[in-house]
PDB file of all heavy atoms in Angstrom:
ATOM      1  N   VAL A   1       0.813  -1.170  -0.071  1.00  0.00           N
ATOM      2  CA  VAL A   1       0.007  -0.010  -0.036  1.00  0.00           C
ATOM      3  C   VAL A   1       0.884   1.253   0.032  1.00  0.00           C
ATOM      4  O   VAL A   1       1.951   1.291   0.720  1.00  0.00           O
ATOM      5  CB  VAL A   1      -0.907  -0.010   1.231  1.00  0.00           C
ATOM      6  CG1 VAL A   1      -1.775   1.305   1.254  1.00  0.00           C
ATOM      7  CG2 VAL A   1      -1.821  -1.214   1.231  1.00  0.00           C
ATOM      8  N   THR A   2       0.507   2.207  -0.784  1.00  0.00           N
ATOM      9  CA  THR A   2       1.161   3.561  -0.798  1.00  0.00           C
ATOM     10  C   THR A   2       0.208   4.588  -0.194  1.00  0.00           C
ATOM     11  O   THR A   2      -1.002   4.531  -0.490  1.00  0.00           O
ATOM     12  CB  THR A   2       1.532   3.954  -2.255  1.00  0.00           C
ATOM     13  OG1 THR A   2       2.488   3.007  -2.774  1.00  0.00           O
ATOM     14  CG2 THR A   2       2.163   5.340  -2.262  1.00  0.00           C
ATOM     15  N   ILE A   3       0.740   5.457   0.645  1.00  0.00           N
ATOM     16  CA  ILE A   3      -0.095   6.447   1.336  1.00  0.00           C
ATOM     17  C   ILE A   3       0.395   7.777   1.075  1.00  0.00           C
ATOM     18  O   ILE A   3       1.605   8.106   1.301  1.00  0.00           O
ATOM     19  CB  ILE A   3      -0.157   6.165   2.906  1.00  0.00           C
ATOM     20  CG1 ILE A   3      -0.606   4.686   3.191  1.00  0.00           C
ATOM     21  CG2 ILE A   3      -1.021   7.184   3.572  1.00  0.00           C
ATOM     22  CD1 ILE A   3      -0.668   4.327   4.624  1.00  0.00           C
ATOM     23  N   ASP A   4      -0.454   8.655   0.566  1.00  0.00           N
ATOM     24  CA  ASP A   4      -0.078  10.014   0.156  1.00  0.00           C
ATOM     25  C   ASP A   4      -0.670  11.020   1.044  1.00  0.00           C
ATOM     26  O   ASP A   4      -1.855  10.940   1.429  1.00  0.00           O
ATOM     27  CB  ASP A   4      -0.560  10.261  -1.301  1.00  0.00           C
ATOM     28  CG  ASP A   4       0.287   9.691  -2.374  1.00  0.00           C
ATOM     29  OD1 ASP A   4       1.277   9.050  -2.053  1.00  0.00           O
ATOM     30  OD2 ASP A   4      -0.066   9.838  -3.542  1.00  0.00           O
ATOM     31  N   ALA A   5       0.091  12.048   1.365  1.00  0.00           N
ATOM     32  CA  ALA A   5      -0.420  13.240   1.996  1.00  0.00           C
ATOM     33  C   ALA A   5      -1.348  14.032   1.038  1.00  0.00           C
ATOM     34  O   ALA A   5      -1.095  13.999  -0.199  1.00  0.00           O
ATOM     35  CB  ALA A   5       0.683  14.164   2.578  1.00  0.00           C
ATOM     36  N   GLY A   6      -2.330  14.742   1.571  1.00  0.00           N
ATOM     37  CA  GLY A   6      -3.157  15.556   0.752  1.00  0.00           C
ATOM     38  C   GLY A   6      -2.769  17.015   0.936  1.00  0.00           C
ATOM     39  O   GLY A   6      -1.762  17.355   1.555  1.00  0.00           O
ATOM     40  N   THR A   7      -3.620  17.917   0.381  1.00  0.00           N
ATOM     41  CA  THR A   7      -3.272  19.347   0.390  1.00  0.00           C
ATOM     42  C   THR A   7      -3.513  20.006   1.734  1.00  0.00           C
ATOM     43  O   THR A   7      -2.965  21.161   1.941  1.00  0.00           O
ATOM     44  CB  THR A   7      -4.111  20.077  -0.700  1.00  0.00           C
ATOM     45  OG1 THR A   7      -5.510  19.827  -0.434  1.00  0.00           O
ATOM     46  CG2 THR A   7      -3.748  19.524  -2.070  1.00  0.00           C
ATOM     47  N   LYS A   8      -4.245  19.459   2.578  1.00  0.00           N
ATOM     48  CA  LYS A   8      -4.417  19.953   3.955  1.00  0.00           C
ATOM     49  C   LYS A   8      -3.609  19.055   4.932  1.00  0.00           C
ATOM     50  O   LYS A   8      -3.636  17.823   4.824  1.00  0.00           O
ATOM     51  CB  LYS A   8      -5.873  19.998   4.367  1.00  0.00           C
ATOM     52  CG  LYS A   8      -6.134  20.516   5.782  1.00  0.00           C
ATOM     53  CD  LYS A   8      -7.619  20.531   6.084  1.00  0.00           C
ATOM     54  CE  LYS A   8      -7.858  21.141   7.531  1.00  0.00           C
ATOM     55  NZ  LYS A   8      -9.301  21.162   7.836  1.00  0.00           N
ATOM     56  N   GLU A   9      -2.921  19.670   5.870  1.00  0.00           N
ATOM     57  CA  GLU A   9      -1.966  18.848   6.679  1.00  0.00           C
ATOM     58  C   GLU A   9      -2.619  17.763   7.470  1.00  0.00           C
ATOM     59  O   GLU A   9      -3.601  18.051   8.203  1.00  0.00           O
ATOM     60  CB  GLU A   9      -1.151  19.793   7.603  1.00  0.00           C
ATOM     61  CG  GLU A   9      -0.114  19.040   8.410  1.00  0.00           C
ATOM     62  CD  GLU A   9       0.780  19.947   9.207  1.00  0.00           C
ATOM     63  OE1 GLU A   9       1.715  20.522   8.652  1.00  0.00           O
ATOM     64  OE2 GLU A   9       0.562  20.004  10.449  1.00  0.00           O
ATOM     65  N   SER A  10      -2.081  16.596   7.412  1.00  0.00           N
ATOM     66  CA  SER A  10      -2.478  15.483   8.262  1.00  0.00           C
ATOM     67  C   SER A  10      -1.491  15.379   9.362  1.00  0.00           C
ATOM     68  O   SER A  10      -0.317  15.585   9.182  1.00  0.00           O
ATOM     69  CB  SER A  10      -2.442  14.165   7.470  1.00  0.00           C
ATOM     70  OG  SER A  10      -3.412  14.150   6.412  1.00  0.00           O
ATOM     71  N   PRO A  11      -1.930  15.072  10.591  1.00  0.00           N
ATOM     72  CA  PRO A  11      -1.000  14.863  11.726  1.00  0.00           C
ATOM     73  C   PRO A  11      -0.127  13.710  11.518  1.00  0.00           C
ATOM     74  O   PRO A  11       1.042  13.744  11.963  1.00  0.00           O
ATOM     75  CB  PRO A  11      -1.912  14.751  12.919  1.00  0.00           C
ATOM     76  CG  PRO A  11      -3.228  14.320  12.405  1.00  0.00           C
ATOM     77  CD  PRO A  11      -3.351  14.924  11.057  1.00  0.00           C
ATOM     78  N   VAL A  12      -0.611  12.695  10.864  1.00  0.00           N
ATOM     79  CA  VAL A  12       0.193  11.481  10.542  1.00  0.00           C
ATOM     80  C   VAL A  12      -0.579  10.770   9.408  1.00  0.00           C
ATOM     81  O   VAL A  12      -1.766  10.937   9.201  1.00  0.00           O
ATOM     82  CB  VAL A  12       0.259  10.594  11.825  1.00  0.00           C
ATOM     83  CG1 VAL A  12      -1.113  10.143  12.316  1.00  0.00           C
ATOM     84  CG2 VAL A  12       1.166   9.392  11.609  1.00  0.00           C
ATOM     85  N   LEU A  13       0.161   9.950   8.637  1.00  0.00           N
ATOM     86  CA  LEU A  13      -0.430   9.204   7.578  1.00  0.00           C
ATOM     87  C   LEU A  13      -0.755   7.809   7.933  1.00  0.00           C
ATOM     88  O   LEU A  13      -1.720   7.253   7.445  1.00  0.00           O
ATOM     89  CB  LEU A  13       0.538   9.280   6.317  1.00  0.00           C
ATOM     90  CG  LEU A  13       0.818  10.652   5.781  1.00  0.00           C
ATOM     91  CD1 LEU A  13       1.727  10.603   4.584  1.00  0.00           C
ATOM     92  CD2 LEU A  13      -0.476  11.433   5.474  1.00  0.00           C
ATOM     93  N   LEU A  14       0.034   7.184   8.763  1.00  0.00           N
ATOM     94  CA  LEU A  14      -0.273   5.834   9.293  1.00  0.00           C
ATOM     95  C   LEU A  14       0.216   5.826  10.729  1.00  0.00           C
ATOM     96  O   LEU A  14       1.421   6.081  11.032  1.00  0.00           O
ATOM     97  CB  LEU A  14       0.418   4.759   8.442  1.00  0.00           C
ATOM     98  CG  LEU A  14       0.358   3.327   9.029  1.00  0.00           C
ATOM     99  CD1 LEU A  14      -1.060   2.853   9.207  1.00  0.00           C
ATOM    100  CD2 LEU A  14       1.151   2.350   8.137  1.00  0.00           C
ATOM    101  N   GLU A  15      -0.701   5.453  11.646  1.00  0.00           N
ATOM    102  CA  GLU A  15      -0.306   5.312  13.074  1.00  0.00           C
ATOM    103  C   GLU A  15      -0.593   3.904  13.481  1.00  0.00           C
ATOM    104  O   GLU A  15      -1.697   3.387  13.322  1.00  0.00           O
ATOM    105  CB  GLU A  15      -1.182   6.315  13.872  1.00  0.00           C
ATOM    106  CG  GLU A  15      -0.763   6.313  15.367  1.00  0.00           C
ATOM    107  CD  GLU A  15      -1.536   7.289  16.164  1.00  0.00           C
ATOM    108  OE1 GLU A  15      -2.691   7.624  15.854  1.00  0.00           O
ATOM    109  OE2 GLU A  15      -0.940   7.931  17.101  1.00  0.00           O
ATOM    110  N   VAL A  16       0.436   3.292  14.087  1.00  0.00           N
ATOM    111  CA  VAL A  16       0.333   1.968  14.598  1.00  0.00           C
ATOM    112  C   VAL A  16       0.304   1.977  16.103  1.00  0.00           C
ATOM    113  O   VAL A  16       1.318   2.301  16.764  1.00  0.00           O
ATOM    114  CB  VAL A  16       1.492   1.074  14.116  1.00  0.00           C
ATOM    115  CG1 VAL A  16       1.388  -0.373  14.656  1.00  0.00           C
ATOM    116  CG2 VAL A  16       1.564   1.065  12.611  1.00  0.00           C
ATOM    117  N   GLY A  17      -0.830   1.730  16.706  1.00  0.00           N
ATOM    118  CA  GLY A  17      -1.012   1.838  18.185  1.00  0.00           C
ATOM    119  C   GLY A  17      -1.114   3.267  18.623  1.00  0.00           C
ATOM    120  O   GLY A  17      -0.835   4.240  17.917  1.00  0.00           O
ATOM    121  N   LYS A  18      -1.630   3.440  19.857  1.00  0.00           N
ATOM    122  CA  LYS A  18      -1.754   4.743  20.432  1.00  0.00           C
ATOM    123  C   LYS A  18      -0.577   4.996  21.395  1.00  0.00           C
ATOM    124  O   LYS A  18      -0.076   4.072  22.016  1.00  0.00           O
ATOM    125  CB  LYS A  18      -3.060   4.872  21.234  1.00  0.00           C
ATOM    126  CG  LYS A  18      -4.273   4.912  20.307  1.00  0.00           C
ATOM    127  CD  LYS A  18      -4.278   6.163  19.494  1.00  0.00           C
ATOM    128  CE  LYS A  18      -5.575   6.218  18.605  1.00  0.00           C
ATOM    129  NZ  LYS A  18      -5.533   7.402  17.714  1.00  0.00           N
ATOM    130  N   LYS A  19      -0.201   6.263  21.596  1.00  0.00           N
ATOM    131  CA  LYS A  19       0.886   6.562  22.460  1.00  0.00           C
ATOM    132  C   LYS A  19       0.335   6.591  23.868  1.00  0.00           C
ATOM    133  O   LYS A  19      -0.339   7.536  24.322  1.00  0.00           O
ATOM    134  CB  LYS A  19       1.475   7.959  22.149  1.00  0.00           C
ATOM    135  CG  LYS A  19       2.783   8.270  22.905  1.00  0.00           C
ATOM    136  CD  LYS A  19       3.394   9.509  22.383  1.00  0.00           C
ATOM    137  CE  LYS A  19       4.721   9.768  23.109  1.00  0.00           C
ATOM    138  NZ  LYS A  19       5.412  10.973  22.628  1.00  0.00           N
ATOM    139  N   ASN A  20       0.618   5.482  24.600  1.00  0.00           N
ATOM    140  CA  ASN A  20       0.074   5.256  25.976  1.00  0.00           C
ATOM    141  C   ASN A  20       1.042   5.752  27.017  1.00  0.00           C
ATOM    142  O   ASN A  20       2.249   5.903  26.768  1.00  0.00           O
ATOM    143  CB  ASN A  20      -0.278   3.839  26.164  1.00  0.00           C
ATOM    144  CG  ASN A  20      -1.342   3.292  25.208  1.00  0.00           C
ATOM    145  OD1 ASN A  20      -2.291   4.028  24.980  1.00  0.00           O
ATOM    146  ND2 ASN A  20      -1.092   2.146  24.597  1.00  0.00           N
ATOM    147  N   GLY A  21       0.570   5.866  28.235  1.00  0.00           N
ATOM    148  CA  GLY A  21       1.422   6.148  29.366  1.00  0.00           C
ATOM    149  C   GLY A  21       2.227   4.894  29.685  1.00  0.00           C
ATOM    150  O   GLY A  21       2.003   3.827  29.174  1.00  0.00           O
ATOM    151  N   ASN A  22       3.167   5.024  30.559  1.00  0.00           N
ATOM    152  CA  ASN A  22       4.088   3.944  30.882  1.00  0.00           C
ATOM    153  C   ASN A  22       3.356   2.704  31.508  1.00  0.00           C
ATOM    154  O   ASN A  22       3.845   1.601  31.439  1.00  0.00           O
ATOM    155  CB  ASN A  22       5.163   4.429  31.881  1.00  0.00           C
ATOM    156  CG  ASN A  22       6.116   5.365  31.234  1.00  0.00           C
ATOM    157  OD1 ASN A  22       6.328   5.414  30.028  1.00  0.00           O
ATOM    158  ND2 ASN A  22       6.705   6.290  32.078  1.00  0.00           N
ATOM    159  N   ASN A  23       2.196   2.943  32.099  1.00  0.00           N
ATOM    160  CA  ASN A  23       1.461   1.882  32.770  1.00  0.00           C
ATOM    161  C   ASN A  23       0.452   1.228  31.838  1.00  0.00           C
ATOM    162  O   ASN A  23      -0.246   0.241  32.290  1.00  0.00           O
ATOM    163  CB  ASN A  23       0.771   2.380  34.029  1.00  0.00           C
ATOM    164  CG  ASN A  23       1.767   2.853  35.064  1.00  0.00           C
ATOM    165  OD1 ASN A  23       2.805   2.252  35.207  1.00  0.00           O
ATOM    166  ND2 ASN A  23       1.416   3.951  35.795  1.00  0.00           N
ATOM    167  N   SER A  24       0.356   1.635  30.596  1.00  0.00           N
ATOM    168  CA  SER A  24      -0.676   1.091  29.710  1.00  0.00           C
ATOM    169  C   SER A  24      -0.010  -0.026  28.900  1.00  0.00           C
ATOM    170  O   SER A  24       1.050   0.105  28.385  1.00  0.00           O
ATOM    171  CB  SER A  24      -1.211   2.159  28.771  1.00  0.00           C
ATOM    172  OG  SER A  24      -1.829   3.189  29.491  1.00  0.00           O
ATOM    173  N   PRO A  25      -0.690  -1.180  28.779  1.00  0.00           N
ATOM    174  CA  PRO A  25      -0.137  -2.282  28.029  1.00  0.00           C
ATOM    175  C   PRO A  25      -0.107  -2.000  26.528  1.00  0.00           C
ATOM    176  O   PRO A  25      -1.015  -1.347  25.954  1.00  0.00           O
ATOM    177  CB  PRO A  25      -1.119  -3.411  28.330  1.00  0.00           C
ATOM    178  CG  PRO A  25      -2.392  -2.759  28.601  1.00  0.00           C
ATOM    179  CD  PRO A  25      -2.042  -1.491  29.312  1.00  0.00           C
TER     180      PRO A  25
END
């Protein structure tokens, strides 16, 4: 798969998992 940015800014194009705190699995 190829992922392209568009003309309005995206914060990220592909995110794997959420940024959790140190105690989150």
